Amino acid sequence: MLRLSEKLNLLTVKNESAKQLEPLNIATSVRNYLQKILNTRQGSVLSAPDMGMPKIDLSEGIVEQADKQNVLNMIKILLEKYDPRIESLHTELKENNNITVILSFQLLVTTRSKHVVTLFGKLQSDSTFELELQ
């Protein structure tokens, strides 16, 4: 049987370890939700027909810098609209040397609870998005 002081010490240790995991849990949650939004096609959600990415013609790739920036702007507008946790979102195009990746980008997300999440994103040639925590 544990003494009261031992129980309190044990409780304190549990609370401290939970606080250390909180930023990681928030970052993972943000990443998962944003990836789901990006992989949703516009018109597929009956309650929100404009939710999701529009069909992007990738038959010729996205070669022009202006086209890449337009896609990145669409991503930013979509994510800011459909994730209420986002306070600010900064986007940046990244260099891409992979033939199966159409577009590489970085997202810097600040949540309303002041957590900062950095994500590296890729638009694959099959029109799917992948986000990785940095």
C-alpha atoms as a PDB file:
ATOM      1  CA  MET A   1       0.000   0.000   0.000  1.00  0.00           C
ATOM      2  CA  LEU A   2       1.307   3.440  -1.004  1.00  0.00           C
ATOM      3  CA  ARG A   3       1.407   6.363   1.355  1.00  0.00           C
ATOM      4  CA  LEU A   4      -0.425   9.533   0.439  1.00  0.00           C
ATOM      5  CA  SER A   5       2.847  11.348  -0.308  1.00  0.00           C
ATOM      6  CA  GLU A   6       3.935   8.519  -2.634  1.00  0.00           C
ATOM      7  CA  LYS A   7       0.603   8.682  -4.474  1.00  0.00           C
ATOM      8  CA  LEU A   8       0.950  12.448  -4.886  1.00  0.00           C
ATOM      9  CA  ASN A   9       4.512  12.073  -6.195  1.00  0.00           C
ATOM     10  CA  LEU A  10       3.360   9.450  -8.661  1.00  0.00           C
ATOM     11  CA  LEU A  11       0.516  11.705  -9.818  1.00  0.00           C
ATOM     12  CA  THR A  12       2.944  14.602 -10.351  1.00  0.00           C
ATOM     13  CA  VAL A  13       5.217  12.427 -12.500  1.00  0.00           C
ATOM     14  CA  LYS A  14       2.244  11.334 -14.645  1.00  0.00           C
ATOM     15  CA  ASN A  15       1.096  14.932 -15.133  1.00  0.00           C
ATOM     16  CA  GLU A  16       4.592  16.065 -16.159  1.00  0.00           C
ATOM     17  CA  SER A  17       4.937  13.286 -18.720  1.00  0.00           C
ATOM     18  CA  ALA A  18       1.476  14.100 -20.126  1.00  0.00           C
ATOM     19  CA  LYS A  19       2.496  17.768 -20.498  1.00  0.00           C
ATOM     20  CA  GLN A  20       5.595  16.722 -22.435  1.00  0.00           C
ATOM     21  CA  LEU A  21       3.476  14.654 -24.853  1.00  0.00           C
ATOM     22  CA  GLU A  22       0.818  17.344 -25.387  1.00  0.00           C
ATOM     23  CA  PRO A  23       2.662  19.277 -28.154  1.00  0.00           C
ATOM     24  CA  LEU A  24       3.361  16.041 -30.020  1.00  0.00           C
ATOM     25  CA  ASN A  25      -0.290  14.965 -29.724  1.00  0.00           C
ATOM     26  CA  ILE A  26      -1.471  18.346 -31.013  1.00  0.00           C
ATOM     27  CA  ALA A  27       1.017  18.288 -33.888  1.00  0.00           C
ATOM     28  CA  THR A  28      -0.023  14.765 -34.876  1.00  0.00           C
ATOM     29  CA  SER A  29      -3.697  15.690 -34.688  1.00  0.00           C
ATOM     30  CA  VAL A  30      -3.169  18.788 -36.850  1.00  0.00           C
ATOM     31  CA  ARG A  31      -1.144  16.805 -39.394  1.00  0.00           C
ATOM     32  CA  ASN A  32      -3.724  14.036 -39.648  1.00  0.00           C
ATOM     33  CA  TYR A  33      -6.660  16.407 -40.040  1.00  0.00           C
ATOM     34  CA  LEU A  34      -4.938  18.640 -42.615  1.00  0.00           C
ATOM     35  CA  GLN A  35      -3.907  15.609 -44.649  1.00  0.00           C
ATOM     36  CA  LYS A  36      -7.513  14.379 -44.640  1.00  0.00           C
ATOM     37  CA  ILE A  37      -8.751  17.771 -45.823  1.00  0.00           C
ATOM     38  CA  LEU A  38      -6.179  17.885 -48.640  1.00  0.00           C
ATOM     39  CA  ASN A  39      -7.065  14.360 -49.782  1.00  0.00           C
ATOM     40  CA  THR A  40     -10.782  15.160 -49.852  1.00  0.00           C
ATOM     41  CA  ARG A  41     -12.059  16.100 -53.314  1.00  0.00           C
ATOM     42  CA  GLN A  42     -14.224  19.167 -53.665  1.00  0.00           C
ATOM     43  CA  GLY A  43     -17.888  18.195 -53.961  1.00  0.00           C
ATOM     44  CA  SER A  44     -17.528  14.899 -52.097  1.00  0.00           C
ATOM     45  CA  VAL A  45     -18.779  16.258 -48.741  1.00  0.00           C
ATOM     46  CA  LEU A  46     -22.550  16.822 -48.981  1.00  0.00           C
ATOM     47  CA  SER A  47     -22.734  19.174 -45.995  1.00  0.00           C
ATOM     48  CA  ALA A  48     -19.837  21.321 -47.290  1.00  0.00           C
ATOM     49  CA  PRO A  49     -19.603  21.063 -51.107  1.00  0.00           C
ATOM     50  CA  ASP A  50     -16.640  23.465 -51.309  1.00  0.00           C
ATOM     51  CA  MET A  51     -14.604  21.463 -48.769  1.00  0.00           C
ATOM     52  CA  GLY A  52     -11.611  19.709 -50.277  1.00  0.00           C
ATOM     53  CA  MET A  53      -9.186  20.297 -53.093  1.00  0.00           C
ATOM     54  CA  PRO A  54     -10.534  20.861 -56.593  1.00  0.00           C
ATOM     55  CA  LYS A  55      -9.498  18.476 -59.357  1.00  0.00           C
ATOM     56  CA  ILE A  56      -6.007  19.446 -60.496  1.00  0.00           C
ATOM     57  CA  ASP A  57      -4.950  18.403 -63.995  1.00  0.00           C
ATOM     58  CA  LEU A  58      -1.582  16.752 -63.501  1.00  0.00           C
ATOM     59  CA  SER A  59      -1.277  15.242 -66.986  1.00  0.00           C
ATOM     60  CA  GLU A  60       1.441  17.759 -67.866  1.00  0.00           C
ATOM     61  CA  GLY A  61       2.600  18.340 -64.303  1.00  0.00           C
ATOM     62  CA  ILE A  62       2.810  21.731 -62.651  1.00  0.00           C
ATOM     63  CA  VAL A  63       5.842  23.311 -64.268  1.00  0.00           C
ATOM     64  CA  GLU A  64       5.362  27.065 -64.034  1.00  0.00           C
ATOM     65  CA  GLN A  65       6.229  28.790 -60.765  1.00  0.00           C
ATOM     66  CA  ALA A  66       2.966  30.780 -60.911  1.00  0.00           C
ATOM     67  CA  ASP A  67       0.950  27.547 -61.193  1.00  0.00           C
ATOM     68  CA  LYS A  68       2.779  26.078 -58.200  1.00  0.00           C
ATOM     69  CA  GLN A  69       2.067  29.230 -56.204  1.00  0.00           C
ATOM     70  CA  ASN A  70      -1.628  29.080 -57.201  1.00  0.00           C
ATOM     71  CA  VAL A  71      -1.909  25.508 -55.886  1.00  0.00           C
ATOM     72  CA  LEU A  72      -0.132  26.526 -52.683  1.00  0.00           C
ATOM     73  CA  ASN A  73      -2.561  29.449 -52.259  1.00  0.00           C
ATOM     74  CA  MET A  74      -5.515  27.063 -52.732  1.00  0.00           C
ATOM     75  CA  ILE A  75      -4.050  24.820 -50.023  1.00  0.00           C
ATOM     76  CA  LYS A  76      -3.636  27.750 -47.632  1.00  0.00           C
ATOM     77  CA  ILE A  77      -7.177  29.069 -48.158  1.00  0.00           C
ATOM     78  CA  LEU A  78      -8.672  25.590 -47.773  1.00  0.00           C
ATOM     79  CA  LEU A  79      -6.813  24.743 -44.568  1.00  0.00           C
ATOM     80  CA  GLU A  80      -7.490  28.096 -42.926  1.00  0.00           C
ATOM     81  CA  LYS A  81     -11.179  27.753 -43.707  1.00  0.00           C
ATOM     82  CA  TYR A  82     -11.707  24.191 -42.481  1.00  0.00           C
ATOM     83  CA  ASP A  83      -9.450  23.855 -39.437  1.00  0.00           C
ATOM     84  CA  PRO A  84     -10.634  26.231 -36.718  1.00  0.00           C
ATOM     85  CA  ARG A  85      -7.534  25.500 -34.613  1.00  0.00           C
ATOM     86  CA  ILE A  86      -5.337  27.438 -37.049  1.00  0.00           C
ATOM     87  CA  GLU A  87      -4.497  30.956 -35.970  1.00  0.00           C
ATOM     88  CA  SER A  88      -1.904  31.553 -38.678  1.00  0.00           C
ATOM     89  CA  LEU A  89      -0.547  29.546 -41.591  1.00  0.00           C
ATOM     90  CA  HIS A  90       2.565  30.306 -43.627  1.00  0.00           C
ATOM     91  CA  THR A  91       3.377  28.390 -46.780  1.00  0.00           C
ATOM     92  CA  GLU A  92       6.577  28.032 -48.750  1.00  0.00           C
ATOM     93  CA  LEU A  93       7.447  26.151 -51.926  1.00  0.00           C
ATOM     94  CA  LYS A  94      10.352  23.724 -51.621  1.00  0.00           C
ATOM     95  CA  GLU A  95      12.735  22.339 -54.201  1.00  0.00           C
ATOM     96  CA  ASN A  96      11.675  18.981 -55.576  1.00  0.00           C
ATOM     97  CA  ASN A  97      13.900  16.416 -57.304  1.00  0.00           C
ATOM     98  CA  ASN A  98      11.576  13.406 -57.061  1.00  0.00           C
ATOM     99  CA  ILE A  99       9.862  12.420 -60.311  1.00  0.00           C
ATOM    100  CA  THR A 100       6.749  11.069 -58.544  1.00  0.00           C
ATOM    101  CA  VAL A 101       6.276  14.289 -56.551  1.00  0.00           C
ATOM    102  CA  ILE A 102       4.574  17.122 -58.429  1.00  0.00           C
ATOM    103  CA  LEU A 103       4.883  19.770 -55.717  1.00  0.00           C
ATOM    104  CA  SER A 104       6.818  20.063 -52.448  1.00  0.00           C
ATOM    105  CA  PHE A 105       5.977  22.638 -49.817  1.00  0.00           C
ATOM    106  CA  GLN A 106       6.339  23.536 -46.161  1.00  0.00           C
ATOM    107  CA  LEU A 107       3.534  24.617 -43.828  1.00  0.00           C
ATOM    108  CA  LEU A 108       4.182  26.541 -40.636  1.00  0.00           C
ATOM    109  CA  VAL A 109       1.014  26.344 -38.553  1.00  0.00           C
ATOM    110  CA  THR A 110       0.396  28.283 -35.352  1.00  0.00           C
ATOM    111  CA  THR A 111      -2.637  27.050 -33.467  1.00  0.00           C
ATOM    112  CA  ARG A 112      -4.949  29.181 -31.343  1.00  0.00           C
ATOM    113  CA  SER A 113      -3.404  27.459 -28.302  1.00  0.00           C
ATOM    114  CA  LYS A 114      -0.009  28.852 -29.485  1.00  0.00           C
ATOM    115  CA  HIS A 115       1.507  25.524 -30.534  1.00  0.00           C
ATOM    116  CA  VAL A 116       3.712  25.742 -33.621  1.00  0.00           C
ATOM    117  CA  VAL A 117       3.594  22.837 -36.054  1.00  0.00           C
ATOM    118  CA  THR A 118       5.941  22.559 -39.027  1.00  0.00           C
ATOM    119  CA  LEU A 119       4.888  20.201 -41.812  1.00  0.00           C
ATOM    120  CA  PHE A 120       6.586  19.141 -45.028  1.00  0.00           C
ATOM    121  CA  GLY A 121       4.042  18.403 -47.736  1.00  0.00           C
ATOM    122  CA  LYS A 122       4.100  16.640 -51.091  1.00  0.00           C
ATOM    123  CA  LEU A 123       1.565  16.471 -53.887  1.00  0.00           C
ATOM    124  CA  GLN A 124       2.124  13.074 -55.476  1.00  0.00           C
ATOM    125  CA  SER A 125       1.604  12.296 -59.162  1.00  0.00           C
ATOM    126  CA  ASP A 126      -1.537  10.312 -58.233  1.00  0.00           C
ATOM    127  CA  SER A 127      -3.117  13.554 -56.841  1.00  0.00           C
ATOM    128  CA  THR A 128      -2.710  12.557 -53.203  1.00  0.00           C
ATOM    129  CA  PHE A 129      -1.115  14.667 -50.521  1.00  0.00           C
ATOM    130  CA  GLU A 130       1.326  13.508 -47.872  1.00  0.00           C
ATOM    131  CA  LEU A 131       2.256  15.591 -44.834  1.00  0.00           C
ATOM    132  CA  GLU A 132       5.177  14.840 -42.521  1.00  0.00           C
ATOM    133  CA  LEU A 133       5.952  16.424 -39.164  1.00  0.00           C
ATOM    134  CA  GLN A 134       9.264  18.267 -39.102  1.00  0.00           C
END
